[in-house]
Amino acid sequence: MTAHLFLSMDKAVGYLGDAQSAHQLLATLNSTLLADDPVIANAIQTCNFEVLQKVWHQLKGFAPVFCQDSLVSDIKVTEKLCLHIQSDQEQAAALLASELLHANLKVLQAEASAQILQAAATTKPPTP
């Protein structure tokens, strides 16, 4: 399997039991990341930490299946930062962490998309 910065198909296969299940769920991950992108961008722009915390919380659910441990950790830390904002410094920290995580999730989505395309290119069509 191809090495990626944030996506770990080996981890997904180990977690789900087989490559076919991992690739099926990968399509869901990809569509979720595509749908969440504008929501995250808007929440960052408007400093809506409640929305950001909810998105990070949802992502935290599937991240251990597909993501490198470093990204899983970043999601957990960022969610926590967005949950407990009591000062301007905490707000700035949560905003910066959210911006960085958003950028990393765009990379993850690109990796997921590339993996889907690669799998489609190597899958033989059924013979009649």
C-alpha atoms as a PDB file:
ATOM      1  CA  MET A   1       0.000   0.000   0.000  1.00  0.00           C
ATOM      2  CA  THR A   2       1.076   3.528  -0.758  1.00  0.00           C
ATOM      3  CA  ALA A   3       2.620   5.597   2.029  1.00  0.00           C
ATOM      4  CA  HIS A   4       0.609   8.678   2.916  1.00  0.00           C
ATOM      5  CA  LEU A   5       1.175  11.541   5.305  1.00  0.00           C
ATOM      6  CA  PHE A   6      -2.142  11.171   7.183  1.00  0.00           C
ATOM      7  CA  LEU A   7      -4.056   8.234   5.673  1.00  0.00           C
ATOM      8  CA  SER A   8      -3.229   4.714   6.872  1.00  0.00           C
ATOM      9  CA  MET A   9      -4.909   2.023   4.815  1.00  0.00           C
ATOM     10  CA  ASP A  10      -2.897  -0.632   6.646  1.00  0.00           C
ATOM     11  CA  LYS A  11      -4.467   0.565   9.891  1.00  0.00           C
ATOM     12  CA  ALA A  12      -7.939   0.566   8.303  1.00  0.00           C
ATOM     13  CA  VAL A  13      -7.525  -2.960   6.949  1.00  0.00           C
ATOM     14  CA  GLY A  14      -6.314  -4.141  10.350  1.00  0.00           C
ATOM     15  CA  TYR A  15      -9.221  -2.436  12.084  1.00  0.00           C
ATOM     16  CA  LEU A  16     -11.931  -3.546   9.646  1.00  0.00           C
ATOM     17  CA  GLY A  17     -10.520  -6.959   8.778  1.00  0.00           C
ATOM     18  CA  ASP A  18     -10.198  -6.761   5.007  1.00  0.00           C
ATOM     19  CA  ALA A  19      -9.230  -4.400   2.192  1.00  0.00           C
ATOM     20  CA  GLN A  20     -12.681  -4.411   0.577  1.00  0.00           C
ATOM     21  CA  SER A  21     -14.372  -3.153   3.756  1.00  0.00           C
ATOM     22  CA  ALA A  22     -11.650  -0.541   4.212  1.00  0.00           C
ATOM     23  CA  HIS A  23     -12.091   0.771   0.673  1.00  0.00           C
ATOM     24  CA  GLN A  24     -15.884   0.890   1.035  1.00  0.00           C
ATOM     25  CA  LEU A  25     -15.622   2.914   4.233  1.00  0.00           C
ATOM     26  CA  LEU A  26     -12.921   5.083   2.671  1.00  0.00           C
ATOM     27  CA  ALA A  27     -15.526   6.440   0.255  1.00  0.00           C
ATOM     28  CA  THR A  28     -17.593   7.548   3.258  1.00  0.00           C
ATOM     29  CA  LEU A  29     -14.564   9.220   4.801  1.00  0.00           C
ATOM     30  CA  ASN A  30     -13.869  11.033   1.543  1.00  0.00           C
ATOM     31  CA  SER A  31     -17.441  12.303   1.150  1.00  0.00           C
ATOM     32  CA  THR A  32     -17.558  13.346   4.824  1.00  0.00           C
ATOM     33  CA  LEU A  33     -14.345  15.344   4.476  1.00  0.00           C
ATOM     34  CA  LEU A  34     -15.636  17.011   1.304  1.00  0.00           C
ATOM     35  CA  ALA A  35     -18.938  17.928   2.977  1.00  0.00           C
ATOM     36  CA  ASP A  36     -17.271  19.156   6.177  1.00  0.00           C
ATOM     37  CA  ASP A  37     -14.710  21.360   4.406  1.00  0.00           C
ATOM     38  CA  PRO A  38     -16.968  24.401   3.835  1.00  0.00           C
ATOM     39  CA  VAL A  39     -18.534  23.988   7.286  1.00  0.00           C
ATOM     40  CA  ILE A  40     -15.085  24.060   8.894  1.00  0.00           C
ATOM     41  CA  ALA A  41     -13.944  26.985   6.753  1.00  0.00           C
ATOM     42  CA  ASN A  42     -17.022  29.011   7.696  1.00  0.00           C
ATOM     43  CA  ALA A  43     -16.725  28.146  11.386  1.00  0.00           C
ATOM     44  CA  ILE A  44     -13.074  29.212  11.394  1.00  0.00           C
ATOM     45  CA  GLN A  45     -13.898  32.464   9.590  1.00  0.00           C
ATOM     46  CA  THR A  46     -16.684  33.271  12.064  1.00  0.00           C
ATOM     47  CA  CYS A  47     -14.822  31.891  15.116  1.00  0.00           C
ATOM     48  CA  ASN A  48     -17.707  29.518  15.789  1.00  0.00           C
ATOM     49  CA  PHE A  49     -15.965  27.195  18.209  1.00  0.00           C
ATOM     50  CA  GLU A  50     -19.152  25.314  19.056  1.00  0.00           C
ATOM     51  CA  VAL A  51     -19.452  24.127  15.443  1.00  0.00           C
ATOM     52  CA  LEU A  52     -15.737  23.392  15.255  1.00  0.00           C
ATOM     53  CA  GLN A  53     -15.836  21.332  18.442  1.00  0.00           C
ATOM     54  CA  LYS A  54     -18.774  19.307  17.094  1.00  0.00           C
ATOM     55  CA  VAL A  55     -17.020  18.622  13.786  1.00  0.00           C
ATOM     56  CA  TRP A  56     -13.785  17.635  15.545  1.00  0.00           C
ATOM     57  CA  HIS A  57     -15.764  15.365  17.875  1.00  0.00           C
ATOM     58  CA  GLN A  58     -17.396  13.587  14.928  1.00  0.00           C
ATOM     59  CA  LEU A  59     -14.077  13.225  13.130  1.00  0.00           C
ATOM     60  CA  LYS A  60     -12.541  11.790  16.272  1.00  0.00           C
ATOM     61  CA  GLY A  61     -14.901   8.837  15.887  1.00  0.00           C
ATOM     62  CA  PHE A  62     -13.530   7.558  12.601  1.00  0.00           C
ATOM     63  CA  ALA A  63     -10.018   8.981  12.773  1.00  0.00           C
ATOM     64  CA  PRO A  64      -8.542   5.971  14.628  1.00  0.00           C
ATOM     65  CA  VAL A  65      -9.665   3.730  11.761  1.00  0.00           C
ATOM     66  CA  PHE A  66      -8.029   5.647   8.900  1.00  0.00           C
ATOM     67  CA  CYS A  67      -5.622   8.226  10.261  1.00  0.00           C
ATOM     68  CA  GLN A  68      -2.019   8.159  11.361  1.00  0.00           C
ATOM     69  CA  ASP A  69      -1.740   8.453  15.144  1.00  0.00           C
ATOM     70  CA  SER A  70      -0.345  11.995  14.905  1.00  0.00           C
ATOM     71  CA  LEU A  71      -3.501  13.235  13.157  1.00  0.00           C
ATOM     72  CA  VAL A  72      -5.735  11.426  15.640  1.00  0.00           C
ATOM     73  CA  SER A  73      -3.866  13.216  18.413  1.00  0.00           C
ATOM     74  CA  ASP A  74      -4.228  16.583  16.657  1.00  0.00           C
ATOM     75  CA  ILE A  75      -7.992  16.063  16.337  1.00  0.00           C
ATOM     76  CA  LYS A  76      -8.321  15.270  20.050  1.00  0.00           C
ATOM     77  CA  VAL A  77      -6.216  18.261  21.121  1.00  0.00           C
ATOM     78  CA  THR A  78      -8.027  20.653  18.797  1.00  0.00           C
ATOM     79  CA  GLU A  79     -11.433  19.453  19.959  1.00  0.00           C
ATOM     80  CA  LYS A  80     -10.408  20.035  23.568  1.00  0.00           C
ATOM     81  CA  LEU A  81      -9.082  23.521  22.763  1.00  0.00           C
ATOM     82  CA  CYS A  82     -12.390  24.442  21.100  1.00  0.00           C
ATOM     83  CA  LEU A  83     -14.373  23.132  24.054  1.00  0.00           C
ATOM     84  CA  HIS A  84     -12.684  25.169  26.789  1.00  0.00           C
ATOM     85  CA  ILE A  85     -12.289  28.793  25.711  1.00  0.00           C
ATOM     86  CA  GLN A  86     -12.177  31.288  28.552  1.00  0.00           C
ATOM     87  CA  SER A  87      -9.665  33.863  27.333  1.00  0.00           C
ATOM     88  CA  ASP A  88      -8.408  35.581  24.195  1.00  0.00           C
ATOM     89  CA  GLN A  89      -5.273  33.425  24.353  1.00  0.00           C
ATOM     90  CA  GLU A  90      -7.317  30.229  24.466  1.00  0.00           C
ATOM     91  CA  GLN A  91      -9.433  31.486  21.570  1.00  0.00           C
ATOM     92  CA  ALA A  92      -6.311  32.255  19.527  1.00  0.00           C
ATOM     93  CA  ALA A  93      -4.872  28.809  20.322  1.00  0.00           C
ATOM     94  CA  ALA A  94      -8.118  27.071  19.326  1.00  0.00           C
ATOM     95  CA  LEU A  95      -8.339  29.082  16.124  1.00  0.00           C
ATOM     96  CA  LEU A  96      -4.742  28.335  15.129  1.00  0.00           C
ATOM     97  CA  ALA A  97      -5.127  24.636  15.922  1.00  0.00           C
ATOM     98  CA  SER A  98      -8.370  24.539  13.921  1.00  0.00           C
ATOM     99  CA  GLU A  99      -6.729  26.225  10.927  1.00  0.00           C
ATOM    100  CA  LEU A 100      -3.835  23.757  10.989  1.00  0.00           C
ATOM    101  CA  LEU A 101      -6.140  20.773  11.399  1.00  0.00           C
ATOM    102  CA  HIS A 102      -8.338  22.024   8.564  1.00  0.00           C
ATOM    103  CA  ALA A 103      -5.296  22.184   6.281  1.00  0.00           C
ATOM    104  CA  ASN A 104      -4.262  18.673   7.332  1.00  0.00           C
ATOM    105  CA  LEU A 105      -7.771  17.349   6.688  1.00  0.00           C
ATOM    106  CA  LYS A 106      -7.569  18.730   3.148  1.00  0.00           C
ATOM    107  CA  VAL A 107      -4.405  16.667   2.690  1.00  0.00           C
ATOM    108  CA  LEU A 108      -6.177  13.630   4.178  1.00  0.00           C
ATOM    109  CA  GLN A 109      -9.085  14.114   1.762  1.00  0.00           C
ATOM    110  CA  ALA A 110      -6.681  14.341  -1.191  1.00  0.00           C
ATOM    111  CA  GLU A 111      -4.967  11.157  -0.008  1.00  0.00           C
ATOM    112  CA  ALA A 112      -8.333   9.397   0.364  1.00  0.00           C
ATOM    113  CA  SER A 113      -9.393  10.502  -3.101  1.00  0.00           C
ATOM    114  CA  ALA A 114      -6.098   9.336  -4.614  1.00  0.00           C
ATOM    115  CA  GLN A 115      -6.427   5.982  -2.827  1.00  0.00           C
ATOM    116  CA  ILE A 116      -9.956   5.552  -4.201  1.00  0.00           C
ATOM    117  CA  LEU A 117      -8.752   6.331  -7.730  1.00  0.00           C
ATOM    118  CA  GLN A 118      -5.783   3.980  -7.357  1.00  0.00           C
ATOM    119  CA  ALA A 119      -8.033   1.159  -6.161  1.00  0.00           C
ATOM    120  CA  ALA A 120     -10.445   1.748  -9.047  1.00  0.00           C
ATOM    121  CA  ALA A 121      -7.580   1.667 -11.552  1.00  0.00           C
ATOM    122  CA  THR A 122      -6.256  -1.643 -10.224  1.00  0.00           C
ATOM    123  CA  THR A 123      -9.620  -3.367  -9.865  1.00  0.00           C
ATOM    124  CA  LYS A 124     -10.464  -5.583 -12.799  1.00  0.00           C
ATOM    125  CA  PRO A 125     -13.984  -5.305 -14.149  1.00  0.00           C
ATOM    126  CA  PRO A 126     -16.048  -8.487 -13.872  1.00  0.00           C
ATOM    127  CA  THR A 127     -15.751 -10.753 -16.872  1.00  0.00           C
ATOM    128  CA  PRO A 128     -18.995 -11.571 -18.678  1.00  0.00           C
END
